[in-house]
Each structure stands twice: as C-alpha cells, then as structure tokens.
Amino acid sequence: MKQYLVTGLDSTNEGALEHRMSVRPAHFEMAKKLKEKGNFVLGGAILNDEEKMIGSSMVVQFETEADLQKWLDEEPYIQQKVWEKVDIKPYKVANV
C-alpha cells in the first residue's frame, strides 16, 4: 500500500476550536473505520504554544489514489471545513 502524510491546518476564525471539537467525534469514527480496514497508521493533533489544537497530522495508507480520494471526500474535518488547508505528501514509515 502507498503511504501518505496528511497535514490539516485548522481555520483561524473565531470559534475554530469549538467547531473542531463539535466535529471531532465524527472524525474519530472515520479514523476507527480506517484503522479497521488497515488504512490508518497513526495520527494526532498539532498543538500551538498554549497546547491548543490547531491542526492534525495523519499517516494513512491506501492501495490506490482513488481510495485516498474517496477518504478525503468523506473525511468530516474536510467536509465540515475544520481544516482550512490540507497538505498530502507521499510518505514511508521507517521500519526500525
């Protein structure tokens, strides 16, 4: 499977953190489904200096780019506009 590093930076609008928290349960449900299918490798929140969530990074893996796109089309943080900017790079987890 091809691996990808996905970095999503949250909106900086007022209320962005509250919006993120309201969408978070749906985002976690999606991550659980990915994990069950073997597509989720790892992920977590990006924090600012005050340790408040301002984004996310995930390593995911898919057989095809079409499968990656299908997930992106359904990801709650994208659909609900929690992430203002999303960057996707090919990635390979080190086997150490």
PDB file of N, CA and C in Angstrom:
ATOM      1  N   MET A   1       0.836  -1.184   0.000  1.00  0.00           N
ATOM      2  CA  MET A   1       0.000   0.000   0.000  1.00  0.00           C
ATOM      3  C   MET A   1       0.883   1.250   0.000  1.00  0.00           C
ATOM      4  N   LYS A   2       0.412   2.278  -0.645  1.00  0.00           N
ATOM      5  CA  LYS A   2       1.115   3.558  -0.644  1.00  0.00           C
ATOM      6  C   LYS A   2       0.744   4.322   0.619  1.00  0.00           C
ATOM      7  N   GLN A   3       1.760   4.913   1.236  1.00  0.00           N
ATOM      8  CA  GLN A   3       1.531   5.683   2.458  1.00  0.00           C
ATOM      9  C   GLN A   3       1.576   7.180   2.153  1.00  0.00           C
ATOM     10  N   TYR A   4       0.834   7.943   2.965  1.00  0.00           N
ATOM     11  CA  TYR A   4       0.734   9.388   2.792  1.00  0.00           C
ATOM     12  C   TYR A   4       0.774  10.075   4.152  1.00  0.00           C
ATOM     13  N   LEU A   5       1.471  11.209   4.193  1.00  0.00           N
ATOM     14  CA  LEU A   5       1.434  12.090   5.351  1.00  0.00           C
ATOM     15  C   LEU A   5       0.422  13.186   5.032  1.00  0.00           C
ATOM     16  N   VAL A   6      -0.632  13.242   5.825  1.00  0.00           N
ATOM     17  CA  VAL A   6      -1.697  14.224   5.630  1.00  0.00           C
ATOM     18  C   VAL A   6      -1.611  15.217   6.783  1.00  0.00           C
ATOM     19  N   THR A   7      -1.449  16.492   6.439  1.00  0.00           N
ATOM     20  CA  THR A   7      -1.416  17.548   7.436  1.00  0.00           C
ATOM     21  C   THR A   7      -2.569  18.497   7.156  1.00  0.00           C
ATOM     22  N   GLY A   8      -3.430  18.651   8.140  1.00  0.00           N
ATOM     23  CA  GLY A   8      -4.556  19.566   8.016  1.00  0.00           C
ATOM     24  C   GLY A   8      -4.430  20.669   9.046  1.00  0.00           C
ATOM     25  N   LEU A   9      -4.415  21.925   8.579  1.00  0.00           N
ATOM     26  CA  LEU A   9      -4.352  23.062   9.489  1.00  0.00           C
ATOM     27  C   LEU A   9      -5.741  23.651   9.639  1.00  0.00           C
ATOM     28  N   ASP A  10      -6.131  23.859  10.889  1.00  0.00           N
ATOM     29  CA  ASP A  10      -7.468  24.358  11.190  1.00  0.00           C
ATOM     30  C   ASP A  10      -7.644  25.805  10.745  1.00  0.00           C
ATOM     31  N   SER A  11      -8.888  26.157  10.559  1.00  0.00           N
ATOM     32  CA  SER A  11      -9.256  27.549  10.326  1.00  0.00           C
ATOM     33  C   SER A  11      -8.798  28.374  11.521  1.00  0.00           C
ATOM     34  N   THR A  12      -8.484  29.628  11.278  1.00  0.00           N
ATOM     35  CA  THR A  12      -8.088  30.526  12.365  1.00  0.00           C
ATOM     36  C   THR A  12      -9.221  31.475  12.733  1.00  0.00           C
ATOM     37  N   ASN A  13     -10.403  31.215  12.208  1.00  0.00           N
ATOM     38  CA  ASN A  13     -11.569  32.044  12.533  1.00  0.00           C
ATOM     39  C   ASN A  13     -11.925  31.905  14.005  1.00  0.00           C
ATOM     40  N   GLU A  14     -12.588  32.917  14.529  1.00  0.00           N
ATOM     41  CA  GLU A  14     -13.088  32.840  15.900  1.00  0.00           C
ATOM     42  C   GLU A  14     -14.047  31.648  15.988  1.00  0.00           C
ATOM     43  N   GLY A  15     -13.921  30.879  17.030  1.00  0.00           N
ATOM     44  CA  GLY A  15     -14.762  29.706  17.210  1.00  0.00           C
ATOM     45  C   GLY A  15     -14.233  28.457  16.522  1.00  0.00           C
ATOM     46  N   ALA A  16     -13.035  28.532  15.940  1.00  0.00           N
ATOM     47  CA  ALA A  16     -12.487  27.387  15.205  1.00  0.00           C
ATOM     48  C   ALA A  16     -12.294  26.170  16.112  1.00  0.00           C
ATOM     49  N   LEU A  17     -11.778  26.390  17.322  1.00  0.00           N
ATOM     50  CA  LEU A  17     -11.546  25.254  18.225  1.00  0.00           C
ATOM     51  C   LEU A  17     -12.867  24.617  18.636  1.00  0.00           C
ATOM     52  N   GLU A  18     -13.863  25.424  18.908  1.00  0.00           N
ATOM     53  CA  GLU A  18     -15.172  24.895  19.288  1.00  0.00           C
ATOM     54  C   GLU A  18     -15.780  24.094  18.134  1.00  0.00           C
ATOM     55  N   HIS A  19     -15.607  24.608  16.914  1.00  0.00           N
ATOM     56  CA  HIS A  19     -16.112  23.889  15.740  1.00  0.00           C
ATOM     57  C   HIS A  19     -15.385  22.555  15.602  1.00  0.00           C
ATOM     58  N   ARG A  20     -14.067  22.575  15.763  1.00  0.00           N
ATOM     59  CA  ARG A  20     -13.277  21.345  15.686  1.00  0.00           C
ATOM     60  C   ARG A  20     -13.809  20.320  16.685  1.00  0.00           C
ATOM     61  N   MET A  21     -14.043  20.764  17.922  1.00  0.00           N
ATOM     62  CA  MET A  21     -14.486  19.843  18.963  1.00  0.00           C
ATOM     63  C   MET A  21     -15.869  19.272  18.654  1.00  0.00           C
ATOM     64  N   SER A  22     -16.717  20.041  17.987  1.00  0.00           N
ATOM     65  CA  SER A  22     -18.052  19.535  17.657  1.00  0.00           C
ATOM     66  C   SER A  22     -17.996  18.479  16.548  1.00  0.00           C
ATOM     67  N   VAL A  23     -16.990  18.556  15.682  1.00  0.00           N
ATOM     68  CA  VAL A  23     -16.854  17.608  14.565  1.00  0.00           C
ATOM     69  C   VAL A  23     -15.953  16.428  14.949  1.00  0.00           C
ATOM     70  N   ARG A  24     -15.223  16.562  16.018  1.00  0.00           N
ATOM     71  CA  ARG A  24     -14.231  15.559  16.421  1.00  0.00           C
ATOM     72  C   ARG A  24     -14.790  14.141  16.558  1.00  0.00           C
ATOM     73  N   PRO A  25     -15.973  13.931  17.162  1.00  0.00           N
ATOM     74  CA  PRO A  25     -16.482  12.547  17.254  1.00  0.00           C
ATOM     75  C   PRO A  25     -16.651  11.886  15.880  1.00  0.00           C
ATOM     76  N   ALA A  26     -17.129  12.618  14.895  1.00  0.00           N
ATOM     77  CA  ALA A  26     -17.288  12.060  13.546  1.00  0.00           C
ATOM     78  C   ALA A  26     -15.924  11.774  12.915  1.00  0.00           C
ATOM     79  N   HIS A  27     -14.951  12.650  13.166  1.00  0.00           N
ATOM     80  CA  HIS A  27     -13.584  12.441  12.661  1.00  0.00           C
ATOM     81  C   HIS A  27     -12.993  11.171  13.273  1.00  0.00           C
ATOM     82  N   PHE A  28     -13.198  10.976  14.584  1.00  0.00           N
ATOM     83  CA  PHE A  28     -12.683   9.777  15.242  1.00  0.00           C
ATOM     84  C   PHE A  28     -13.377   8.518  14.723  1.00  0.00           C
ATOM     85  N   GLU A  29     -14.663   8.589  14.456  1.00  0.00           N
ATOM     86  CA  GLU A  29     -15.369   7.435  13.879  1.00  0.00           C
ATOM     87  C   GLU A  29     -14.769   7.059  12.532  1.00  0.00           C
ATOM     88  N   MET A  30     -14.466   8.070  11.712  1.00  0.00           N
ATOM     89  CA  MET A  30     -13.841   7.811  10.410  1.00  0.00           C
ATOM     90  C   MET A  30     -12.469   7.177  10.614  1.00  0.00           C
ATOM     91  N   ALA A  31     -11.685   7.687  11.557  1.00  0.00           N
ATOM     92  CA  ALA A  31     -10.357   7.125  11.823  1.00  0.00           C
ATOM     93  C   ALA A  31     -10.459   5.677  12.294  1.00  0.00           C
ATOM     94  N   LYS A  32     -11.465   5.365  13.123  1.00  0.00           N
ATOM     95  CA  LYS A  32     -11.662   3.982  13.577  1.00  0.00           C
ATOM     96  C   LYS A  32     -11.972   3.060  12.404  1.00  0.00           C
ATOM     97  N   LYS A  33     -12.794   3.526  11.468  1.00  0.00           N
ATOM     98  CA  LYS A  33     -13.108   2.720  10.275  1.00  0.00           C
ATOM     99  C   LYS A  33     -11.859   2.494   9.441  1.00  0.00           C
ATOM    100  N   LEU A  34     -11.044   3.551   9.290  1.00  0.00           N
ATOM    101  CA  LEU A  34      -9.791   3.404   8.547  1.00  0.00           C
ATOM    102  C   LEU A  34      -8.876   2.382   9.217  1.00  0.00           C
ATOM    103  N   LYS A  35      -8.808   2.444  10.547  1.00  0.00           N
ATOM    104  CA  LYS A  35      -7.944   1.518  11.287  1.00  0.00           C
ATOM    105  C   LYS A  35      -8.413   0.075  11.109  1.00  0.00           C
ATOM    106  N   GLU A  36      -9.720  -0.133  11.174  1.00  0.00           N
ATOM    107  CA  GLU A  36     -10.271  -1.486  10.990  1.00  0.00           C
ATOM    108  C   GLU A  36      -9.911  -2.056   9.623  1.00  0.00           C
ATOM    109  N   LYS A  37      -9.833  -1.200   8.615  1.00  0.00           N
ATOM    110  CA  LYS A  37      -9.519  -1.631   7.252  1.00  0.00           C
ATOM    111  C   LYS A  37      -8.018  -1.656   6.972  1.00  0.00           C
ATOM    112  N   GLY A  38      -7.193  -1.242   7.955  1.00  0.00           N
ATOM    113  CA  GLY A  38      -5.743  -1.239   7.772  1.00  0.00           C
ATOM    114  C   GLY A  38      -5.224  -0.002   7.055  1.00  0.00           C
ATOM    115  N   ASN A  39      -6.034   1.049   6.959  1.00  0.00           N
ATOM    116  CA  ASN A  39      -5.612   2.258   6.256  1.00  0.00           C
ATOM    117  C   ASN A  39      -5.011   3.319   7.174  1.00  0.00           C
ATOM    118  N   PHE A  40      -5.317   3.276   8.462  1.00  0.00           N
ATOM    119  CA  PHE A  40      -4.817   4.264   9.427  1.00  0.00           C
ATOM    120  C   PHE A  40      -3.546   3.740  10.064  1.00  0.00           C
ATOM    121  N   VAL A  41      -2.452   4.493   9.954  1.00  0.00           N
ATOM    122  CA  VAL A  41      -1.186   4.087  10.555  1.00  0.00           C
ATOM    123  C   VAL A  41      -1.000   4.810  11.886  1.00  0.00           C
ATOM    124  N   LEU A  42      -1.100   6.126  11.885  1.00  0.00           N
ATOM    125  CA  LEU A  42      -1.008   6.909  13.104  1.00  0.00           C
ATOM    126  C   LEU A  42      -1.535   8.312  12.843  1.00  0.00           C
ATOM    127  N   GLY A  43      -1.839   9.001  13.909  1.00  0.00           N
ATOM    128  CA  GLY A  43      -2.329  10.360  13.760  1.00  0.00           C
ATOM    129  C   GLY A  43      -2.426  11.047  15.095  1.00  0.00           C
ATOM    130  N   GLY A  44      -2.568  12.366  15.033  1.00  0.00           N
ATOM    131  CA  GLY A  44      -2.706  13.136  16.252  1.00  0.00           C
ATOM    132  C   GLY A  44      -2.887  14.606  15.950  1.00  0.00           C
ATOM    133  N   ALA A  45      -3.077  15.357  17.008  1.00  0.00           N
ATOM    134  CA  ALA A  45      -3.325  16.791  16.887  1.00  0.00           C
ATOM    135  C   ALA A  45      -2.012  17.571  16.864  1.00  0.00           C
ATOM    136  N   ILE A  46      -2.004  18.652  16.115  1.00  0.00           N
ATOM    137  CA  ILE A  46      -0.919  19.631  16.138  1.00  0.00           C
ATOM    138  C   ILE A  46      -1.328  20.693  17.158  1.00  0.00           C
ATOM    139  N   LEU A  47      -0.409  21.033  18.056  1.00  0.00           N
ATOM    140  CA  LEU A  47      -0.709  21.973  19.135  1.00  0.00           C
ATOM    141  C   LEU A  47       0.072  23.274  18.961  1.00  0.00           C
ATOM    142  N   ASN A  48      -0.514  24.380  19.451  1.00  0.00           N
ATOM    143  CA  ASN A  48       0.212  25.640  19.469  1.00  0.00           C
ATOM    144  C   ASN A  48       0.986  25.748  20.784  1.00  0.00           C
ATOM    145  N   ASP A  49       1.608  26.901  21.034  1.00  0.00           N
ATOM    146  CA  ASP A  49       2.419  27.077  22.242  1.00  0.00           C
ATOM    147  C   ASP A  49       1.602  26.969  23.519  1.00  0.00           C
ATOM    148  N   GLU A  50       0.292  27.235  23.424  1.00  0.00           N
ATOM    149  CA  GLU A  50      -0.595  27.107  24.584  1.00  0.00           C
ATOM    150  C   GLU A  50      -1.197  25.709  24.693  1.00  0.00           C
ATOM    151  N   GLU A  51      -0.713  24.790  23.846  1.00  0.00           N
ATOM    152  CA  GLU A  51      -1.161  23.403  23.793  1.00  0.00           C
ATOM    153  C   GLU A  51      -2.621  23.262  23.391  1.00  0.00           C
ATOM    154  N   LYS A  52      -3.108  24.197  22.563  1.00  0.00           N
ATOM    155  CA  LYS A  52      -4.448  24.100  21.994  1.00  0.00           C
ATOM    156  C   LYS A  52      -4.331  23.522  20.595  1.00  0.00           C
ATOM    157  N   MET A  53      -5.300  22.690  20.224  1.00  0.00           N
ATOM    158  CA  MET A  53      -5.275  22.040  18.917  1.00  0.00           C
ATOM    159  C   MET A  53      -5.477  23.059  17.801  1.00  0.00           C
ATOM    160  N   ILE A  54      -4.576  23.003  16.811  1.00  0.00           N
ATOM    161  CA  ILE A  54      -4.660  23.912  15.669  1.00  0.00           C
ATOM    162  C   ILE A  54      -4.592  23.167  14.336  1.00  0.00           C
ATOM    163  N   GLY A  55      -4.573  21.847  14.407  1.00  0.00           N
ATOM    164  CA  GLY A  55      -4.485  21.047  13.189  1.00  0.00           C
ATOM    165  C   GLY A  55      -4.275  19.590  13.521  1.00  0.00           C
ATOM    166  N   SER A  56      -4.020  18.813  12.479  1.00  0.00           N
ATOM    167  CA  SER A  56      -3.830  17.376  12.643  1.00  0.00           C
ATOM    168  C   SER A  56      -2.797  16.873  11.651  1.00  0.00           C
ATOM    169  N   SER A  57      -2.127  15.799  12.015  1.00  0.00           N
ATOM    170  CA  SER A  57      -1.279  15.049  11.087  1.00  0.00           C
ATOM    171  C   SER A  57      -1.680  13.591  11.177  1.00  0.00           C
ATOM    172  N   MET A  58      -1.722  12.963  10.020  1.00  0.00           N
ATOM    173  CA  MET A  58      -2.065  11.541   9.961  1.00  0.00           C
ATOM    174  C   MET A  58      -1.156  10.857   8.949  1.00  0.00           C
ATOM    175  N   VAL A  59      -0.812   9.636   9.235  1.00  0.00           N
ATOM    176  CA  VAL A  59      -0.198   8.777   8.229  1.00  0.00           C
ATOM    177  C   VAL A  59      -1.246   7.734   7.893  1.00  0.00           C
ATOM    178  N   VAL A  60      -1.611   7.703   6.618  1.00  0.00           N
ATOM    179  CA  VAL A  60      -2.608   6.763   6.125  1.00  0.00           C
ATOM    180  C   VAL A  60      -2.009   5.989   4.969  1.00  0.00           C
ATOM    181  N   GLN A  61      -2.638   4.870   4.635  1.00  0.00           N
ATOM    182  CA  GLN A  61      -2.152   4.070   3.510  1.00  0.00           C
ATOM    183  C   GLN A  61      -3.341   3.510   2.743  1.00  0.00           C
ATOM    184  N   PHE A  62      -3.194   3.541   1.421  1.00  0.00           N
ATOM    185  CA  PHE A  62      -4.261   3.074   0.532  1.00  0.00           C
ATOM    186  C   PHE A  62      -3.649   2.340  -0.650  1.00  0.00           C
ATOM    187  N   GLU A  63      -4.433   1.420  -1.207  1.00  0.00           N
ATOM    188  CA  GLU A  63      -3.995   0.681  -2.391  1.00  0.00           C
ATOM    189  C   GLU A  63      -3.871   1.589  -3.605  1.00  0.00           C
ATOM    190  N   THR A  64      -4.831   2.510  -3.754  1.00  0.00           N
ATOM    191  CA  THR A  64      -4.848   3.370  -4.940  1.00  0.00           C
ATOM    192  C   THR A  64      -5.083   4.827  -4.525  1.00  0.00           C
ATOM    193  N   GLU A  65      -4.739   5.728  -5.420  1.00  0.00           N
ATOM    194  CA  GLU A  65      -5.018   7.142  -5.179  1.00  0.00           C
ATOM    195  C   GLU A  65      -6.517   7.401  -5.189  1.00  0.00           C
ATOM    196  N   ALA A  66      -7.270   6.599  -5.907  1.00  0.00           N
ATOM    197  CA  ALA A  66      -8.729   6.721  -5.901  1.00  0.00           C
ATOM    198  C   ALA A  66      -9.279   6.413  -4.505  1.00  0.00           C
ATOM    199  N   ASP A  67      -8.691   5.425  -3.818  1.00  0.00           N
ATOM    200  CA  ASP A  67      -9.100   5.112  -2.447  1.00  0.00           C
ATOM    201  C   ASP A  67      -8.762   6.265  -1.504  1.00  0.00           C
ATOM    202  N   LEU A  68      -7.591   6.863  -1.697  1.00  0.00           N
ATOM    203  CA  LEU A  68      -7.214   8.040  -0.914  1.00  0.00           C
ATOM    204  C   LEU A  68      -8.228   9.158  -1.147  1.00  0.00           C
ATOM    205  N   GLN A  69      -8.562   9.410  -2.392  1.00  0.00           N
ATOM    206  CA  GLN A  69      -9.505  10.476  -2.715  1.00  0.00           C
ATOM    207  C   GLN A  69     -10.888  10.201  -2.135  1.00  0.00           C
ATOM    208  N   LYS A  70     -11.306   8.952  -2.141  1.00  0.00           N
ATOM    209  CA  LYS A  70     -12.612   8.598  -1.562  1.00  0.00           C
ATOM    210  C   LYS A  70     -12.640   8.960  -0.084  1.00  0.00           C
ATOM    211  N   TRP A  71     -11.559   8.647   0.649  1.00  0.00           N
ATOM    212  CA  TRP A  71     -11.487   9.023   2.054  1.00  0.00           C
ATOM    213  C   TRP A  71     -11.520  10.542   2.216  1.00  0.00           C
ATOM    214  N   LEU A  72     -10.732  11.246   1.413  1.00  0.00           N
ATOM    215  CA  LEU A  72     -10.710  12.712   1.507  1.00  0.00           C
ATOM    216  C   LEU A  72     -12.101  13.306   1.260  1.00  0.00           C
ATOM    217  N   ASP A  73     -12.827  12.711   0.336  1.00  0.00           N
ATOM    218  CA  ASP A  73     -14.175  13.193   0.017  1.00  0.00           C
ATOM    219  C   ASP A  73     -15.156  12.970   1.169  1.00  0.00           C
ATOM    220  N   GLU A  74     -14.839  12.038   2.066  1.00  0.00           N
ATOM    221  CA  GLU A  74     -15.744  11.696   3.169  1.00  0.00           C
ATOM    222  C   GLU A  74     -15.248  12.173   4.538  1.00  0.00           C
ATOM    223  N   GLU A  75     -13.987  12.604   4.635  1.00  0.00           N
ATOM    224  CA  GLU A  75     -13.398  12.988   5.925  1.00  0.00           C
ATOM    225  C   GLU A  75     -14.154  14.170   6.541  1.00  0.00           C
ATOM    226  N   PRO A  76     -14.713  13.995   7.756  1.00  0.00           N
ATOM    227  CA  PRO A  76     -15.503  15.053   8.391  1.00  0.00           C
ATOM    228  C   PRO A  76     -14.757  16.374   8.580  1.00  0.00           C
ATOM    229  N   TYR A  77     -13.467  16.330   8.914  1.00  0.00           N
ATOM    230  CA  TYR A  77     -12.729  17.586   9.107  1.00  0.00           C
ATOM    231  C   TYR A  77     -12.613  18.375   7.802  1.00  0.00           C
ATOM    232  N   ILE A  78     -12.673  17.689   6.676  1.00  0.00           N
ATOM    233  CA  ILE A  78     -12.667  18.380   5.384  1.00  0.00           C
ATOM    234  C   ILE A  78     -14.084  18.817   5.034  1.00  0.00           C
ATOM    235  N   GLN A  79     -15.024  17.891   5.138  1.00  0.00           N
ATOM    236  CA  GLN A  79     -16.413  18.189   4.764  1.00  0.00           C
ATOM    237  C   GLN A  79     -17.012  19.311   5.612  1.00  0.00           C
ATOM    238  N   GLN A  80     -16.672  19.356   6.884  1.00  0.00           N
ATOM    239  CA  GLN A  80     -17.228  20.360   7.797  1.00  0.00           C
ATOM    240  C   GLN A  80     -16.323  21.591   7.931  1.00  0.00           C
ATOM    241  N   LYS A  81     -15.296  21.650   7.078  1.00  0.00           N
ATOM    242  CA  LYS A  81     -14.397  22.806   6.995  1.00  0.00           C
ATOM    243  C   LYS A  81     -13.682  23.136   8.307  1.00  0.00           C
ATOM    244  N   VAL A  82     -13.303  22.085   9.039  1.00  0.00           N
ATOM    245  CA  VAL A  82     -12.439  22.275  10.205  1.00  0.00           C
ATOM    246  C   VAL A  82     -11.038  22.600   9.701  1.00  0.00           C
ATOM    247  N   TRP A  83     -10.563  21.777   8.754  1.00  0.00           N
ATOM    248  CA  TRP A  83      -9.245  22.028   8.161  1.00  0.00           C
ATOM    249  C   TRP A  83      -9.392  23.075   7.072  1.00  0.00           C
ATOM    250  N   GLU A  84      -8.630  24.156   7.225  1.00  0.00           N
ATOM    251  CA  GLU A  84      -8.637  25.219   6.223  1.00  0.00           C
ATOM    252  C   GLU A  84      -7.674  24.898   5.088  1.00  0.00           C
ATOM    253  N   LYS A  85      -6.572  24.228   5.438  1.00  0.00           N
ATOM    254  CA  LYS A  85      -5.554  23.863   4.452  1.00  0.00           C
ATOM    255  C   LYS A  85      -5.152  22.414   4.684  1.00  0.00           C
ATOM    256  N   VAL A  86      -5.100  21.651   3.608  1.00  0.00           N
ATOM    257  CA  VAL A  86      -4.716  20.244   3.696  1.00  0.00           C
ATOM    258  C   VAL A  86      -3.543  20.000   2.757  1.00  0.00           C
ATOM    259  N   ASP A  87      -2.490  19.392   3.291  1.00  0.00           N
ATOM    260  CA  ASP A  87      -1.298  19.068   2.508  1.00  0.00           C
ATOM    261  C   ASP A  87      -1.106  17.560   2.559  1.00  0.00           C
ATOM    262  N   ILE A  88      -0.889  16.953   1.406  1.00  0.00           N
ATOM    263  CA  ILE A  88      -0.711  15.499   1.315  1.00  0.00           C
ATOM    264  C   ILE A  88       0.595  15.223   0.589  1.00  0.00           C
ATOM    265  N   LYS A  89       1.421  14.429   1.231  1.00  0.00           N
ATOM    266  CA  LYS A  89       2.728  14.065   0.648  1.00  0.00           C
ATOM    267  C   LYS A  89       2.878  12.547   0.688  1.00  0.00           C
ATOM    268  N   PRO A  90       3.476  11.969  -0.352  1.00  0.00           N
ATOM    269  CA  PRO A  90       3.843  10.555  -0.271  1.00  0.00           C
ATOM    270  C   PRO A  90       4.790  10.371   0.922  1.00  0.00           C
ATOM    271  N   TYR A  91       4.680   9.243   1.595  1.00  0.00           N
ATOM    272  CA  TYR A  91       5.392   9.043   2.845  1.00  0.00           C
ATOM    273  C   TYR A  91       5.744   7.569   2.981  1.00  0.00           C
ATOM    274  N   LYS A  92       6.779   7.300   3.753  1.00  0.00           N
ATOM    275  CA  LYS A  92       7.122   5.911   4.048  1.00  0.00           C
ATOM    276  C   LYS A  92       7.560   5.825   5.497  1.00  0.00           C
ATOM    277  N   VAL A  93       6.817   5.076   6.279  1.00  0.00           N
ATOM    278  CA  VAL A  93       7.154   4.885   7.685  1.00  0.00           C
ATOM    279  C   VAL A  93       8.435   4.049   7.765  1.00  0.00           C
ATOM    280  N   ALA A  94       9.363   4.505   8.588  1.00  0.00           N
ATOM    281  CA  ALA A  94      10.627   3.786   8.760  1.00  0.00           C
ATOM    282  C   ALA A  94      10.384   2.472   9.501  1.00  0.00           C
ATOM    283  N   ASN A  95      11.002   1.426   9.031  1.00  0.00           N
ATOM    284  CA  ASN A  95      10.885   0.107   9.657  1.00  0.00           C
ATOM    285  C   ASN A  95      12.110  -0.095  10.557  1.00  0.00           C
ATOM    286  N   VAL A  96      11.976   0.376  11.800  1.00  0.00           N
ATOM    287  CA  VAL A  96      13.102   0.273  12.742  1.00  0.00           C
ATOM    288  C   VAL A  96      12.733  -0.598  13.925  1.00  0.00           C
TER     289      VAL A  96
END
